[in-house]
């Protein structure tokens, strides 16, 4: 980071974290990422709440990011939005004392109490 993810000429972002699978590796260039990563994680800040929850979510959905995590450090919770054919659906929501699993990364299970210490 920072690393530009270029979805189109007008939709260029620098996500907080991202994951690109081996099958999707061709979108990675030496300068930036040309296309949709498999997973994008945005960590909310007071100034980014509306952008991350609404605008970026719509763009990531439009361009087919398979999974979008919204991490809210103030509320100590996470939402996982999974792409189902044409749109995002809320796959999982967890609070600070719960564990959560990713739909995309099936073997990944995280304990939020360890993340939000």
PDB file of N, CA and C in Angstrom:
ATOM      1  N   UNK A   1       0.851  -1.182   0.000  1.00  0.00           N
ATOM      2  CA  UNK A   1       0.000   0.000   0.000  1.00  0.00           C
ATOM      3  C   UNK A   1       0.887   1.233   0.000  1.00  0.00           C
ATOM      4  N   UNK A   2       0.468   2.291  -0.601  1.00  0.00           N
ATOM      5  CA  UNK A   2      -0.753   2.379  -1.401  1.00  0.00           C
ATOM      6  C   UNK A   2      -0.579   1.727  -2.768  1.00  0.00           C
ATOM      7  N   UNK A   3      -1.685   1.203  -3.268  1.00  0.00           N
ATOM      8  CA  UNK A   3      -1.688   0.563  -4.578  1.00  0.00           C
ATOM      9  C   UNK A   3      -3.011   0.875  -5.256  1.00  0.00           C
ATOM     10  N   UNK A   4      -2.938   1.462  -6.438  1.00  0.00           N
ATOM     11  CA  UNK A   4      -4.153   1.790  -7.175  1.00  0.00           C
ATOM     12  C   UNK A   4      -4.797   0.533  -7.744  1.00  0.00           C
ATOM     13  N   UNK A   5      -6.118   0.469  -7.590  1.00  0.00           N
ATOM     14  CA  UNK A   5      -6.919  -0.556  -8.241  1.00  0.00           C
ATOM     15  C   UNK A   5      -7.755   0.186  -9.269  1.00  0.00           C
ATOM     16  N   UNK A   6      -7.514  -0.135 -10.535  1.00  0.00           N
ATOM     17  CA  UNK A   6      -8.178   0.574 -11.623  1.00  0.00           C
ATOM     18  C   UNK A   6      -9.309  -0.285 -12.162  1.00  0.00           C
ATOM     19  N   UNK A   7     -10.528   0.172 -11.889  1.00  0.00           N
ATOM     20  CA  UNK A   7     -11.719  -0.503 -12.389  1.00  0.00           C
ATOM     21  C   UNK A   7     -12.129   0.084 -13.736  1.00  0.00           C
ATOM     22  N   UNK A   8     -11.976   1.397 -13.880  1.00  0.00           N
ATOM     23  CA  UNK A   8     -12.280   2.120 -15.114  1.00  0.00           C
ATOM     24  C   UNK A   8     -11.526   3.446 -15.058  1.00  0.00           C
ATOM     25  N   UNK A   9     -11.663   4.255 -16.103  1.00  0.00           N
ATOM     26  CA  UNK A   9     -10.968   5.551 -16.129  1.00  0.00           C
ATOM     27  C   UNK A   9     -11.378   6.469 -14.984  1.00  0.00           C
ATOM     28  N   UNK A  10     -12.608   6.320 -14.491  1.00  0.00           N
ATOM     29  CA  UNK A  10     -13.079   7.199 -13.423  1.00  0.00           C
ATOM     30  C   UNK A  10     -13.223   6.496 -12.077  1.00  0.00           C
ATOM     31  N   UNK A  11     -13.004   5.207 -12.036  1.00  0.00           N
ATOM     32  CA  UNK A  11     -13.131   4.445 -10.789  1.00  0.00           C
ATOM     33  C   UNK A  11     -11.785   3.827 -10.430  1.00  0.00           C
ATOM     34  N   UNK A  12     -10.992   4.607  -9.700  1.00  0.00           N
ATOM     35  CA  UNK A  12      -9.662   4.195  -9.258  1.00  0.00           C
ATOM     36  C   UNK A  12      -9.610   4.387  -7.749  1.00  0.00           C
ATOM     37  N   UNK A  13      -9.286   3.302  -7.020  1.00  0.00           N
ATOM     38  CA  UNK A  13      -9.265   3.357  -5.563  1.00  0.00           C
ATOM     39  C   UNK A  13      -7.973   2.767  -5.024  1.00  0.00           C
ATOM     40  N   UNK A  14      -7.715   3.068  -3.753  1.00  0.00           N
ATOM     41  CA  UNK A  14      -6.620   2.461  -3.014  1.00  0.00           C
ATOM     42  C   UNK A  14      -7.212   1.794  -1.771  1.00  0.00           C
ATOM     43  N   UNK A  15      -7.681   0.551  -1.906  1.00  0.00           N
ATOM     44  CA  UNK A  15      -8.290  -0.132  -0.754  1.00  0.00           C
ATOM     45  C   UNK A  15      -7.293  -0.292   0.387  1.00  0.00           C
ATOM     46  N   UNK A  16      -7.831  -0.438   1.598  1.00  0.00           N
ATOM     47  CA  UNK A  16      -6.960  -0.653   2.757  1.00  0.00           C
ATOM     48  C   UNK A  16      -6.231  -1.980   2.656  1.00  0.00           C
ATOM     49  N   UNK A  17      -6.949  -3.032   2.274  1.00  0.00           N
ATOM     50  CA  UNK A  17      -6.367  -4.361   2.074  1.00  0.00           C
ATOM     51  C   UNK A  17      -7.063  -5.021   0.901  1.00  0.00           C
ATOM     52  N   UNK A  18      -6.364  -5.926   0.240  1.00  0.00           N
ATOM     53  CA  UNK A  18      -6.978  -6.663  -0.862  1.00  0.00           C
ATOM     54  C   UNK A  18      -6.314  -8.006  -1.024  1.00  0.00           C
ATOM     55  N   UNK A  19      -7.014  -8.883  -1.717  1.00  0.00           N
ATOM     56  CA  UNK A  19      -6.505 -10.225  -1.996  1.00  0.00           C
ATOM     57  C   UNK A  19      -6.797 -10.546  -3.454  1.00  0.00           C
ATOM     58  N   UNK A  20      -5.790 -11.085  -4.140  1.00  0.00           N
ATOM     59  CA  UNK A  20      -5.942 -11.536  -5.527  1.00  0.00           C
ATOM     60  C   UNK A  20      -5.547 -13.007  -5.567  1.00  0.00           C
ATOM     61  N   UNK A  21      -6.450 -13.844  -6.039  1.00  0.00           N
ATOM     62  CA  UNK A  21      -6.177 -15.280  -6.126  1.00  0.00           C
ATOM     63  C   UNK A  21      -5.218 -15.575  -7.283  1.00  0.00           C
ATOM     64  N   UNK A  22      -4.646 -16.758  -7.270  1.00  0.00           N
ATOM     65  CA  UNK A  22      -3.758 -17.178  -8.362  1.00  0.00           C
ATOM     66  C   UNK A  22      -4.493 -17.176  -9.698  1.00  0.00           C
ATOM     67  N   UNK A  23      -5.779 -17.539  -9.684  1.00  0.00           N
ATOM     68  CA  UNK A  23      -6.564 -17.565 -10.919  1.00  0.00           C
ATOM     69  C   UNK A  23      -6.766 -16.166 -11.506  1.00  0.00           C
ATOM     70  N   UNK A  24      -6.673 -15.146 -10.687  1.00  0.00           N
ATOM     71  CA  UNK A  24      -6.932 -13.766 -11.090  1.00  0.00           C
ATOM     72  C   UNK A  24      -5.648 -12.941 -11.153  1.00  0.00           C
ATOM     73  N   UNK A  25      -4.518 -13.597 -11.022  1.00  0.00           N
ATOM     74  CA  UNK A  25      -3.217 -12.942 -10.899  1.00  0.00           C
ATOM     75  C   UNK A  25      -2.861 -12.035 -12.082  1.00  0.00           C
ATOM     76  N   UNK A  26      -3.443 -12.282 -13.259  1.00  0.00           N
ATOM     77  CA  UNK A  26      -3.106 -11.510 -14.454  1.00  0.00           C
ATOM     78  C   UNK A  26      -3.492 -10.034 -14.345  1.00  0.00           C
ATOM     79  N   UNK A  27      -4.341  -9.661 -13.380  1.00  0.00           N
ATOM     80  CA  UNK A  27      -4.720  -8.253 -13.231  1.00  0.00           C
ATOM     81  C   UNK A  27      -3.645  -7.439 -12.521  1.00  0.00           C
ATOM     82  N   UNK A  28      -2.665  -8.111 -11.936  1.00  0.00           N
ATOM     83  CA  UNK A  28      -1.594  -7.454 -11.207  1.00  0.00           C
ATOM     84  C   UNK A  28      -0.492  -7.024 -12.181  1.00  0.00           C
ATOM     85  N   UNK A  29      -0.168  -5.714 -12.183  1.00  0.00           N
ATOM     86  CA  UNK A  29       0.928  -5.199 -13.002  1.00  0.00           C
ATOM     87  C   UNK A  29       1.977  -4.596 -12.081  1.00  0.00           C
ATOM     88  N   UNK A  30       3.089  -4.167 -12.634  1.00  0.00           N
ATOM     89  CA  UNK A  30       4.138  -3.574 -11.808  1.00  0.00           C
ATOM     90  C   UNK A  30       3.721  -2.211 -11.258  1.00  0.00           C
ATOM     91  N   UNK A  31       2.771  -1.542 -11.910  1.00  0.00           N
ATOM     92  CA  UNK A  31       2.355  -0.215 -11.483  1.00  0.00           C
ATOM     93  C   UNK A  31       1.069  -0.192 -10.650  1.00  0.00           C
ATOM     94  N   UNK A  32       0.152  -1.121 -10.931  1.00  0.00           N
ATOM     95  CA  UNK A  32      -1.157  -1.079 -10.286  1.00  0.00           C
ATOM     96  C   UNK A  32      -1.894  -2.396 -10.514  1.00  0.00           C
ATOM     97  N   UNK A  33      -3.161  -2.373 -10.163  1.00  0.00           N
ATOM     98  CA  UNK A  33      -4.022  -3.540 -10.386  1.00  0.00           C
ATOM     99  C   UNK A  33      -5.071  -3.124 -11.402  1.00  0.00           C
ATOM    100  N   UNK A  34      -5.173  -3.867 -12.490  1.00  0.00           N
ATOM    101  CA  UNK A  34      -6.071  -3.554 -13.597  1.00  0.00           C
ATOM    102  C   UNK A  34      -7.274  -4.484 -13.565  1.00  0.00           C
ATOM    103  N   UNK A  35      -8.258  -4.157 -12.741  1.00  0.00           N
ATOM    104  CA  UNK A  35      -9.450  -4.985 -12.645  1.00  0.00           C
ATOM    105  C   UNK A  35      -9.807  -5.282 -11.208  1.00  0.00           C
ATOM    106  N   UNK A  36     -10.774  -6.160 -11.032  1.00  0.00           N
ATOM    107  CA  UNK A  36     -11.342  -6.436  -9.714  1.00  0.00           C
ATOM    108  C   UNK A  36     -10.555  -7.491  -8.951  1.00  0.00           C
ATOM    109  N   UNK A  37     -10.019  -7.133  -7.775  1.00  0.00           N
ATOM    110  CA  UNK A  37      -9.448  -8.151  -6.895  1.00  0.00           C
ATOM    111  C   UNK A  37     -10.552  -9.091  -6.416  1.00  0.00           C
ATOM    112  N   UNK A  38     -10.178 -10.230  -5.894  1.00  0.00           N
ATOM    113  CA  UNK A  38     -11.163 -11.176  -5.383  1.00  0.00           C
ATOM    114  C   UNK A  38     -11.799 -10.678  -4.087  1.00  0.00           C
ATOM    115  N   UNK A  39     -10.996 -10.021  -3.255  1.00  0.00           N
ATOM    116  CA  UNK A  39     -11.455  -9.547  -1.953  1.00  0.00           C
ATOM    117  C   UNK A  39     -10.905  -8.157  -1.707  1.00  0.00           C
ATOM    118  N   UNK A  40     -11.766  -7.268  -1.222  1.00  0.00           N
ATOM    119  CA  UNK A  40     -11.336  -5.940  -0.789  1.00  0.00           C
ATOM    120  C   UNK A  40     -11.833  -5.731   0.630  1.00  0.00           C
ATOM    121  N   UNK A  41     -10.947  -5.167   1.463  1.00  0.00           N
ATOM    122  CA  UNK A  41     -11.285  -4.840   2.845  1.00  0.00           C
ATOM    123  C   UNK A  41     -11.085  -3.346   3.041  1.00  0.00           C
ATOM    124  N   UNK A  42     -12.131  -2.683   3.510  1.00  0.00           N
ATOM    125  CA  UNK A  42     -12.044  -1.262   3.847  1.00  0.00           C
ATOM    126  C   UNK A  42     -12.256  -1.115   5.346  1.00  0.00           C
ATOM    127  N   UNK A  43     -11.402  -0.322   5.974  1.00  0.00           N
ATOM    128  CA  UNK A  43     -11.506  -0.033   7.399  1.00  0.00           C
ATOM    129  C   UNK A  43     -12.084   1.366   7.536  1.00  0.00           C
ATOM    130  N   UNK A  44     -13.256   1.440   8.150  1.00  0.00           N
ATOM    131  CA  UNK A  44     -13.962   2.710   8.249  1.00  0.00           C
ATOM    132  C   UNK A  44     -13.225   3.700   9.139  1.00  0.00           C
ATOM    133  N   UNK A  45     -13.294   4.960   8.727  1.00  0.00           N
ATOM    134  CA  UNK A  45     -12.884   6.076   9.565  1.00  0.00           C
ATOM    135  C   UNK A  45     -14.044   7.059   9.533  1.00  0.00           C
ATOM    136  N   UNK A  46     -14.100   8.001  10.461  1.00  0.00           N
ATOM    137  CA  UNK A  46     -15.234   8.936  10.457  1.00  0.00           C
ATOM    138  C   UNK A  46     -15.446   9.635   9.111  1.00  0.00           C
ATOM    139  N   UNK A  47     -14.379   9.918   8.401  1.00  0.00           N
ATOM    140  CA  UNK A  47     -14.509  10.623   7.116  1.00  0.00           C
ATOM    141  C   UNK A  47     -14.836   9.702   5.941  1.00  0.00           C
ATOM    142  N   UNK A  48     -14.737   8.375   6.129  1.00  0.00           N
ATOM    143  CA  UNK A  48     -14.928   7.463   4.993  1.00  0.00           C
ATOM    144  C   UNK A  48     -16.201   6.626   5.070  1.00  0.00           C
ATOM    145  N   UNK A  49     -16.988   6.788   6.110  1.00  0.00           N
ATOM    146  CA  UNK A  49     -18.144   5.905   6.318  1.00  0.00           C
ATOM    147  C   UNK A  49     -19.078   5.887   5.116  1.00  0.00           C
ATOM    148  N   UNK A  50     -19.500   7.046   4.678  1.00  0.00           N
ATOM    149  CA  UNK A  50     -20.448   7.106   3.555  1.00  0.00           C
ATOM    150  C   UNK A  50     -19.822   6.593   2.265  1.00  0.00           C
ATOM    151  N   UNK A  51     -18.585   6.988   2.006  1.00  0.00           N
ATOM    152  CA  UNK A  51     -17.897   6.545   0.791  1.00  0.00           C
ATOM    153  C   UNK A  51     -17.734   5.028   0.765  1.00  0.00           C
ATOM    154  N   UNK A  52     -17.278   4.448   1.882  1.00  0.00           N
ATOM    155  CA  UNK A  52     -17.035   3.010   1.927  1.00  0.00           C
ATOM    156  C   UNK A  52     -18.326   2.193   1.919  1.00  0.00           C
ATOM    157  N   UNK A  53     -19.317   2.647   2.661  1.00  0.00           N
ATOM    158  CA  UNK A  53     -20.571   1.894   2.784  1.00  0.00           C
ATOM    159  C   UNK A  53     -21.476   2.007   1.556  1.00  0.00           C
ATOM    160  N   UNK A  54     -21.397   3.121   0.851  1.00  0.00           N
ATOM    161  CA  UNK A  54     -22.321   3.325  -0.261  1.00  0.00           C
ATOM    162  C   UNK A  54     -21.589   3.332  -1.602  1.00  0.00           C
ATOM    163  N   UNK A  55     -20.764   4.349  -1.830  1.00  0.00           N
ATOM    164  CA  UNK A  55     -20.165   4.529  -3.149  1.00  0.00           C
ATOM    165  C   UNK A  55     -19.218   3.388  -3.538  1.00  0.00           C
ATOM    166  N   UNK A  56     -18.251   3.104  -2.684  1.00  0.00           N
ATOM    167  CA  UNK A  56     -17.302   2.038  -3.020  1.00  0.00           C
ATOM    168  C   UNK A  56     -18.005   0.687  -3.129  1.00  0.00           C
ATOM    169  N   UNK A  57     -18.952   0.448  -2.234  1.00  0.00           N
ATOM    170  CA  UNK A  57     -19.688  -0.819  -2.290  1.00  0.00           C
ATOM    171  C   UNK A  57     -20.387  -0.986  -3.632  1.00  0.00           C
ATOM    172  N   UNK A  58     -20.989   0.074  -4.141  1.00  0.00           N
ATOM    173  CA  UNK A  58     -21.657   0.014  -5.450  1.00  0.00           C
ATOM    174  C   UNK A  58     -20.662  -0.246  -6.579  1.00  0.00           C
ATOM    175  N   UNK A  59     -19.515   0.421  -6.527  1.00  0.00           N
ATOM    176  CA  UNK A  59     -18.494   0.233  -7.570  1.00  0.00           C
ATOM    177  C   UNK A  59     -17.917  -1.173  -7.500  1.00  0.00           C
ATOM    178  N   UNK A  60     -17.578  -1.640  -6.309  1.00  0.00           N
ATOM    179  CA  UNK A  60     -17.017  -2.984  -6.172  1.00  0.00           C
ATOM    180  C   UNK A  60     -18.020  -4.037  -6.652  1.00  0.00           C
ATOM    181  N   UNK A  61     -19.274  -3.821  -6.344  1.00  0.00           N
ATOM    182  CA  UNK A  61     -20.335  -4.723  -6.793  1.00  0.00           C
ATOM    183  C   UNK A  61     -20.443  -4.691  -8.317  1.00  0.00           C
ATOM    184  N   UNK A  62     -20.459  -3.502  -8.896  1.00  0.00           N
ATOM    185  CA  UNK A  62     -20.595  -3.341 -10.355  1.00  0.00           C
ATOM    186  C   UNK A  62     -19.475  -4.053 -11.111  1.00  0.00           C
ATOM    187  N   UNK A  63     -18.262  -3.993 -10.570  1.00  0.00           N
ATOM    188  CA  UNK A  63     -17.124  -4.577 -11.273  1.00  0.00           C
ATOM    189  C   UNK A  63     -16.789  -5.998 -10.824  1.00  0.00           C
ATOM    190  N   UNK A  64     -17.614  -6.583  -9.954  1.00  0.00           N
ATOM    191  CA  UNK A  64     -17.499  -8.005  -9.646  1.00  0.00           C
ATOM    192  C   UNK A  64     -16.472  -8.412  -8.615  1.00  0.00           C
ATOM    193  N   UNK A  65     -16.155  -7.543  -7.649  1.00  0.00           N
ATOM    194  CA  UNK A  65     -15.310  -7.967  -6.531  1.00  0.00           C
ATOM    195  C   UNK A  65     -16.097  -9.028  -5.769  1.00  0.00           C
ATOM    196  N   UNK A  66     -15.534 -10.211  -5.641  1.00  0.00           N
ATOM    197  CA  UNK A  66     -16.285 -11.349  -5.102  1.00  0.00           C
ATOM    198  C   UNK A  66     -16.698 -11.177  -3.647  1.00  0.00           C
ATOM    199  N   UNK A  67     -15.842 -10.519  -2.858  1.00  0.00           N
ATOM    200  CA  UNK A  67     -16.173 -10.329  -1.456  1.00  0.00           C
ATOM    201  C   UNK A  67     -15.644  -8.976  -0.995  1.00  0.00           C
ATOM    202  N   UNK A  68     -16.480  -8.272  -0.222  1.00  0.00           N
ATOM    203  CA  UNK A  68     -16.149  -6.952   0.287  1.00  0.00           C
ATOM    204  C   UNK A  68     -16.391  -6.940   1.784  1.00  0.00           C
ATOM    205  N   UNK A  69     -15.318  -6.679   2.537  1.00  0.00           N
ATOM    206  CA  UNK A  69     -15.426  -6.604   3.991  1.00  0.00           C
ATOM    207  C   UNK A  69     -15.403  -5.146   4.404  1.00  0.00           C
ATOM    208  N   UNK A  70     -16.330  -4.785   5.274  1.00  0.00           N
ATOM    209  CA  UNK A  70     -16.340  -3.447   5.856  1.00  0.00           C
ATOM    210  C   UNK A  70     -16.052  -3.616   7.340  1.00  0.00           C
ATOM    211  N   UNK A  71     -14.908  -3.090   7.767  1.00  0.00           N
ATOM    212  CA  UNK A  71     -14.473  -3.213   9.155  1.00  0.00           C
ATOM    213  C   UNK A  71     -14.734  -1.882   9.855  1.00  0.00           C
ATOM    214  N   UNK A  72     -15.469  -1.953  10.949  1.00  0.00           N
ATOM    215  CA  UNK A  72     -15.799  -0.758  11.717  1.00  0.00           C
ATOM    216  C   UNK A  72     -15.075  -0.836  13.059  1.00  0.00           C
ATOM    217  N   UNK A  73     -13.901  -0.193  13.183  1.00  0.00           N
ATOM    218  CA  UNK A  73     -13.132  -0.295  14.430  1.00  0.00           C
ATOM    219  C   UNK A  73     -13.804   0.400  15.614  1.00  0.00           C
ATOM    220  N   UNK A  74     -14.581   1.431  15.345  1.00  0.00           N
ATOM    221  CA  UNK A  74     -15.251   2.130  16.441  1.00  0.00           C
ATOM    222  C   UNK A  74     -16.356   1.271  17.060  1.00  0.00           C
ATOM    223  N   UNK A  75     -17.147   0.613  16.214  1.00  0.00           N
ATOM    224  CA  UNK A  75     -18.221  -0.271  16.691  1.00  0.00           C
ATOM    225  C   UNK A  75     -17.721  -1.686  16.958  1.00  0.00           C
ATOM    226  N   UNK A  76     -16.484  -1.960  16.564  1.00  0.00           N
ATOM    227  CA  UNK A  76     -15.855  -3.275  16.704  1.00  0.00           C
ATOM    228  C   UNK A  76     -16.702  -4.367  16.058  1.00  0.00           C
ATOM    229  N   UNK A  77     -16.979  -4.169  14.773  1.00  0.00           N
ATOM    230  CA  UNK A  77     -17.755  -5.163  14.031  1.00  0.00           C
ATOM    231  C   UNK A  77     -17.266  -5.212  12.584  1.00  0.00           C
ATOM    232  N   UNK A  78     -17.691  -6.268  11.911  1.00  0.00           N
ATOM    233  CA  UNK A  78     -17.318  -6.467  10.509  1.00  0.00           C
ATOM    234  C   UNK A  78     -18.537  -6.978   9.755  1.00  0.00           C
ATOM    235  N   UNK A  79     -18.656  -6.516   8.516  1.00  0.00           N
ATOM    236  CA  UNK A  79     -19.694  -7.022   7.611  1.00  0.00           C
ATOM    237  C   UNK A  79     -18.991  -7.631   6.411  1.00  0.00           C
ATOM    238  N   UNK A  80     -19.489  -8.770   5.992  1.00  0.00           N
ATOM    239  CA  UNK A  80     -18.950  -9.414   4.795  1.00  0.00           C
ATOM    240  C   UNK A  80     -20.056  -9.448   3.750  1.00  0.00           C
ATOM    241  N   UNK A  81     -19.790  -8.791   2.631  1.00  0.00           N
ATOM    242  CA  UNK A  81     -20.718  -8.759   1.510  1.00  0.00           C
ATOM    243  C   UNK A  81     -20.159  -9.681   0.429  1.00  0.00           C
ATOM    244  N   UNK A  82     -20.949 -10.646   0.003  1.00  0.00           N
ATOM    245  CA  UNK A  82     -20.519 -11.619  -1.003  1.00  0.00           C
ATOM    246  C   UNK A  82     -21.297 -11.400  -2.292  1.00  0.00           C
ATOM    247  N   UNK A  83     -20.593 -11.483  -3.399  1.00  0.00           N
ATOM    248  CA  UNK A  83     -21.199 -11.293  -4.715  1.00  0.00           C
ATOM    249  C   UNK A  83     -21.921 -12.569  -5.124  1.00  0.00           C
ATOM    250  N   UNK A  84     -23.205 -12.438  -5.418  1.00  0.00           N
ATOM    251  CA  UNK A  84     -24.018 -13.570  -5.863  1.00  0.00           C
ATOM    252  C   UNK A  84     -24.593 -13.254  -7.233  1.00  0.00           C
ATOM    253  N   UNK A  85     -23.947 -13.716  -8.271  1.00  0.00           N
ATOM    254  CA  UNK A  85     -24.364 -13.551  -9.664  1.00  0.00           C
ATOM    255  C   UNK A  85     -24.388 -12.095 -10.139  1.00  0.00           C
ATOM    256  N   UNK A  86     -25.267 -11.263  -9.592  1.00  0.00           N
ATOM    257  CA  UNK A  86     -25.390  -9.895 -10.097  1.00  0.00           C
ATOM    258  C   UNK A  86     -25.263  -8.819  -9.032  1.00  0.00           C
ATOM    259  N   UNK A  87     -25.293  -9.201  -7.750  1.00  0.00           N
ATOM    260  CA  UNK A  87     -25.268  -8.176  -6.711  1.00  0.00           C
ATOM    261  C   UNK A  87     -24.699  -8.727  -5.412  1.00  0.00           C
ATOM    262  N   UNK A  88     -24.405  -7.804  -4.495  1.00  0.00           N
ATOM    263  CA  UNK A  88     -23.942  -8.202  -3.173  1.00  0.00           C
ATOM    264  C   UNK A  88     -25.113  -8.585  -2.275  1.00  0.00           C
ATOM    265  N   UNK A  89     -24.841  -9.569  -1.438  1.00  0.00           N
ATOM    266  CA  UNK A  89     -25.752  -9.917  -0.366  1.00  0.00           C
ATOM    267  C   UNK A  89     -24.922  -9.993   0.907  1.00  0.00           C
ATOM    268  N   UNK A  90     -25.525  -9.564   2.007  1.00  0.00           N
ATOM    269  CA  UNK A  90     -24.824  -9.651   3.278  1.00  0.00           C
ATOM    270  C   UNK A  90     -24.635 -11.126   3.619  1.00  0.00           C
ATOM    271  N   UNK A  91     -23.380 -11.563   3.661  1.00  0.00           N
ATOM    272  CA  UNK A  91     -23.068 -12.959   3.943  1.00  0.00           C
ATOM    273  C   UNK A  91     -22.943 -13.196   5.443  1.00  0.00           C
ATOM    274  N   UNK A  92     -22.288 -12.257   6.123  1.00  0.00           N
ATOM    275  CA  UNK A  92     -22.059 -12.443   7.559  1.00  0.00           C
ATOM    276  C   UNK A  92     -21.798 -11.098   8.213  1.00  0.00           C
ATOM    277  N   UNK A  93     -22.259 -10.966   9.444  1.00  0.00           N
ATOM    278  CA  UNK A  93     -21.988  -9.790  10.265  1.00  0.00           C
ATOM    279  C   UNK A  93     -21.573 -10.304  11.632  1.00  0.00           C
ATOM    280  N   UNK A  94     -20.484  -9.764  12.164  1.00  0.00           N
ATOM    281  CA  UNK A  94     -20.005 -10.233  13.463  1.00  0.00           C
ATOM    282  C   UNK A  94     -19.557  -9.049  14.308  1.00  0.00           C
ATOM    283  N   UNK A  95     -19.687  -9.226  15.628  1.00  0.00           N
ATOM    284  CA  UNK A  95     -19.270  -8.205  16.584  1.00  0.00           C
ATOM    285  C   UNK A  95     -18.001  -8.658  17.284  1.00  0.00           C
ATOM    286  N   UNK A  96     -17.465  -7.788  18.123  1.00  0.00           N
ATOM    287  CA  UNK A  96     -16.129  -7.944  18.692  1.00  0.00           C
ATOM    288  C   UNK A  96     -15.834  -9.245  19.420  1.00  0.00           C
ATOM    289  N   UNK A  97     -16.823  -9.941  19.936  1.00  0.00           N
ATOM    290  CA  UNK A  97     -16.545 -11.180  20.672  1.00  0.00           C
ATOM    291  C   UNK A  97     -16.847 -12.425  19.851  1.00  0.00           C
ATOM    292  N   UNK A  98     -17.210 -12.244  18.603  1.00  0.00           N
ATOM    293  CA  UNK A  98     -17.627 -13.372  17.770  1.00  0.00           C
ATOM    294  C   UNK A  98     -16.527 -13.782  16.786  1.00  0.00           C
ATOM    295  N   UNK A  99     -16.706 -14.948  16.224  1.00  0.00           N
ATOM    296  CA  UNK A  99     -15.840 -15.415  15.139  1.00  0.00           C
ATOM    297  C   UNK A  99     -16.594 -15.228  13.835  1.00  0.00           C
ATOM    298  N   UNK A 100     -15.840 -15.079  12.770  1.00  0.00           N
ATOM    299  CA  UNK A 100     -16.499 -14.985  11.471  1.00  0.00           C
ATOM    300  C   UNK A 100     -15.715 -15.758  10.434  1.00  0.00           C
ATOM    301  N   UNK A 101     -16.441 -16.151   9.407  1.00  0.00           N
ATOM    302  CA  UNK A 101     -15.847 -16.897   8.302  1.00  0.00           C
ATOM    303  C   UNK A 101     -16.104 -16.151   7.008  1.00  0.00           C
ATOM    304  N   UNK A 102     -15.188 -16.315   6.114  1.00  0.00           N
ATOM    305  CA  UNK A 102     -15.309 -15.764   4.777  1.00  0.00           C
ATOM    306  C   UNK A 102     -15.984 -16.788   3.876  1.00  0.00           C
ATOM    307  N   UNK A 103     -16.800 -16.327   2.966  1.00  0.00           N
ATOM    308  CA  UNK A 103     -17.381 -17.225   1.970  1.00  0.00           C
ATOM    309  C   UNK A 103     -16.325 -17.574   0.925  1.00  0.00           C
ATOM    310  N   UNK A 104     -15.551 -16.588   0.523  1.00  0.00           N
ATOM    311  CA  UNK A 104     -14.532 -16.760  -0.513  1.00  0.00           C
ATOM    312  C   UNK A 104     -13.369 -17.622  -0.029  1.00  0.00           C
ATOM    313  N   UNK A 105     -12.864 -17.315   1.152  1.00  0.00           N
ATOM    314  CA  UNK A 105     -11.725 -18.038   1.731  1.00  0.00           C
ATOM    315  C   UNK A 105     -12.275 -19.019   2.752  1.00  0.00           C
ATOM    316  N   UNK A 106     -12.752 -20.138   2.282  1.00  0.00           N
ATOM    317  CA  UNK A 106     -13.543 -21.079   3.075  1.00  0.00           C
ATOM    318  C   UNK A 106     -12.856 -21.573   4.341  1.00  0.00           C
ATOM    319  N   UNK A 107     -11.532 -21.682   4.323  1.00  0.00           N
ATOM    320  CA  UNK A 107     -10.819 -22.203   5.488  1.00  0.00           C
ATOM    321  C   UNK A 107     -10.422 -21.114   6.482  1.00  0.00           C
ATOM    322  N   UNK A 108     -10.763 -19.878   6.179  1.00  0.00           N
ATOM    323  CA  UNK A 108     -10.391 -18.768   7.043  1.00  0.00           C
ATOM    324  C   UNK A 108     -11.491 -18.492   8.067  1.00  0.00           C
ATOM    325  N   UNK A 109     -11.121 -18.576   9.332  1.00  0.00           N
ATOM    326  CA  UNK A 109     -12.026 -18.206  10.415  1.00  0.00           C
ATOM    327  C   UNK A 109     -11.242 -17.306  11.360  1.00  0.00           C
ATOM    328  N   UNK A 110     -11.789 -16.127  11.645  1.00  0.00           N
ATOM    329  CA  UNK A 110     -11.090 -15.166  12.489  1.00  0.00           C
ATOM    330  C   UNK A 110     -11.908 -14.856  13.729  1.00  0.00           C
ATOM    331  N   UNK A 111     -11.206 -14.680  14.815  1.00  0.00           N
ATOM    332  CA  UNK A 111     -11.813 -14.318  16.085  1.00  0.00           C
ATOM    333  C   UNK A 111     -11.675 -12.805  16.241  1.00  0.00           C
ATOM    334  N   UNK A 112     -12.795 -12.110  16.226  1.00  0.00           N
ATOM    335  CA  UNK A 112     -12.739 -10.650  16.288  1.00  0.00           C
ATOM    336  C   UNK A 112     -12.195 -10.129  17.617  1.00  0.00           C
ATOM    337  N   UNK A 113     -12.304 -10.908  18.677  1.00  0.00           N
ATOM    338  CA  UNK A 113     -11.746 -10.440  19.949  1.00  0.00           C
ATOM    339  C   UNK A 113     -10.231 -10.282  19.861  1.00  0.00           C
ATOM    340  N   UNK A 114      -9.592 -11.032  18.971  1.00  0.00           N
ATOM    341  CA  UNK A 114      -8.152 -10.881  18.769  1.00  0.00           C
ATOM    342  C   UNK A 114      -7.826  -9.678  17.878  1.00  0.00           C
ATOM    343  N   UNK A 115      -8.724  -9.368  16.972  1.00  0.00           N
ATOM    344  CA  UNK A 115      -8.513  -8.242  16.057  1.00  0.00           C
ATOM    345  C   UNK A 115      -8.766  -6.909  16.753  1.00  0.00           C
ATOM    346  N   UNK A 116      -9.828  -6.856  17.563  1.00  0.00           N
ATOM    347  CA  UNK A 116     -10.206  -5.603  18.209  1.00  0.00           C
ATOM    348  C   UNK A 116      -9.711  -5.492  19.639  1.00  0.00           C
ATOM    349  N   UNK A 117      -8.479  -5.877  19.896  1.00  0.00           N
ATOM    350  CA  UNK A 117      -7.890  -5.740  21.229  1.00  0.00           C
ATOM    351  C   UNK A 117      -7.596  -4.301  21.517  1.00  0.00           C
TER     352      UNK A 117
END
